[in-house]
Amino acid sequence: MAQAVGLLEVYGLVAAFVAGDAGCKAADVTMETFDKNKPANADKLPVPLLVTVKFRGSISAVRAAMEAAKLAANTVTGVASEYVIPAPEDDVEKLLKLSALDKS
């Protein structure tokens, strides 16, 4: 059975590390590689880089991690968006493995 995945998009890399740390301490989850995005309106954002934190685990653990991570990220720069996928389909799983941070 597929594990749930929580996606938390935050402003900046520091907020991503703070959120990831808080989420992993709050629940029995693992964290996957961060992803980044520099949107077209980056100059209007609190930090011109969006970073996605990805948590994996049971649906209840992912939801607990997401709550802790959101609170932590909001103490730094804030949260842009969030979503929990209870059981990702195979094609979604492939896309979740992609990361712009792997690019040179």
Protein backbone atom coordinates (compact mmCIF):
# COMPACT_ATOMS: atom_id res chain seq x y z
CA MET A 1 0.00 0.00 0.00
CA ALA A 2 1.29 3.44 -0.92
CA GLN A 3 2.32 5.81 1.83
CA ALA A 4 0.68 9.20 2.08
CA VAL A 5 2.70 12.20 0.99
CA GLY A 6 2.46 15.70 2.39
CA LEU A 7 3.65 18.63 0.28
CA LEU A 8 4.41 21.89 2.03
CA GLU A 9 5.61 24.79 -0.10
CA VAL A 10 7.44 27.44 1.93
CA TYR A 11 9.29 30.67 1.24
CA GLY A 12 13.03 29.98 1.20
CA LEU A 13 15.45 27.22 2.05
CA VAL A 14 15.83 28.12 5.74
CA ALA A 15 12.07 27.82 6.28
CA ALA A 16 12.19 24.44 4.49
CA PHE A 17 14.84 23.11 6.88
CA VAL A 18 12.99 24.46 9.92
CA ALA A 19 9.69 22.97 8.69
CA GLY A 20 11.25 19.63 7.81
CA ASP A 21 12.93 19.34 11.19
CA ALA A 22 9.73 20.18 13.06
CA GLY A 23 7.65 17.76 11.00
CA CYS A 24 10.06 14.86 11.49
CA LYS A 25 10.23 15.50 15.24
CA ALA A 26 6.43 15.68 15.54
CA ALA A 27 5.49 12.43 13.78
CA ASP A 28 6.76 9.13 12.45
CA VAL A 29 7.51 10.34 8.93
CA THR A 30 10.43 10.46 6.56
CA MET A 31 11.38 13.41 4.44
CA GLU A 32 12.18 13.25 0.74
CA THR A 33 14.39 15.54 -1.31
CA PHE A 34 13.30 19.17 -1.33
CA ASP A 35 12.19 20.73 -4.60
CA LYS A 36 12.48 24.36 -5.60
CA ASN A 37 10.60 26.76 -7.78
CA LYS A 38 11.27 30.38 -8.70
CA PRO A 39 7.89 31.67 -9.89
CA ALA A 40 7.40 34.51 -12.34
CA ASN A 41 6.30 36.84 -9.52
CA ALA A 42 9.33 36.00 -7.35
CA ASP A 43 10.19 39.66 -6.78
CA LYS A 44 6.84 40.12 -5.00
CA LEU A 45 7.31 37.21 -2.58
CA PRO A 46 8.77 37.41 0.96
CA VAL A 47 11.70 35.32 -0.34
CA PRO A 48 12.14 34.87 -4.13
CA LEU A 49 12.35 31.08 -3.90
CA LEU A 50 9.67 28.52 -3.08
CA VAL A 51 10.85 25.22 -1.62
CA THR A 52 8.64 22.14 -1.30
CA VAL A 53 9.11 19.89 1.73
CA LYS A 54 7.83 16.33 1.19
CA PHE A 55 6.82 14.08 4.10
CA ARG A 56 6.04 10.36 3.80
CA GLY A 57 4.22 8.07 6.21
CA SER A 58 0.76 7.04 7.31
CA ILE A 59 -1.97 9.56 6.63
CA SER A 60 -2.28 10.48 10.32
CA ALA A 61 1.48 10.85 10.73
CA VAL A 62 1.77 12.99 7.60
CA ARG A 63 -1.05 15.26 8.77
CA ALA A 64 0.62 15.67 12.19
CA ALA A 65 3.96 16.43 10.53
CA MET A 66 2.36 18.97 8.23
CA GLU A 67 0.74 20.83 11.13
CA ALA A 68 4.03 21.05 13.03
CA ALA A 69 5.90 22.03 9.87
CA LYS A 70 3.42 24.81 9.04
CA LEU A 71 3.73 26.30 12.52
CA ALA A 72 7.52 26.21 12.28
CA ALA A 73 7.68 27.69 8.76
CA ASN A 74 5.40 30.52 9.77
CA THR A 75 7.93 31.58 12.41
CA VAL A 76 10.50 32.09 9.63
CA THR A 77 9.02 33.32 6.34
CA GLY A 78 5.71 31.52 5.84
CA VAL A 79 3.82 28.91 3.88
CA ALA A 80 2.77 29.36 0.25
CA SER A 81 0.68 26.20 -0.17
CA GLU A 82 0.05 22.73 1.23
CA TYR A 83 -1.56 19.47 0.26
CA VAL A 84 -1.73 15.87 1.49
CA ILE A 85 -2.15 13.02 -1.00
CA PRO A 86 -3.43 9.97 0.92
CA ALA A 87 -2.33 7.34 -1.64
CA PRO A 88 -0.48 8.68 -4.70
CA GLU A 89 -0.97 6.89 -8.02
CA ASP A 90 2.08 5.34 -9.74
CA ASP A 91 2.43 8.19 -12.24
CA VAL A 92 2.33 10.75 -9.44
CA GLU A 93 4.97 8.73 -7.57
CA LYS A 94 7.32 9.13 -10.56
CA LEU A 95 6.85 12.89 -10.57
CA LEU A 96 7.38 13.15 -6.81
CA LYS A 97 10.93 11.87 -7.32
CA LEU A 98 11.85 14.80 -9.58
CA SER A 99 13.66 17.71 -8.00
CA ALA A 100 15.01 20.95 -9.45
CA LEU A 101 17.64 20.92 -6.68
CA ASP A 102 19.35 18.05 -8.52
CA LYS A 103 19.97 20.32 -11.51
CA SER A 104 23.22 22.21 -11.91
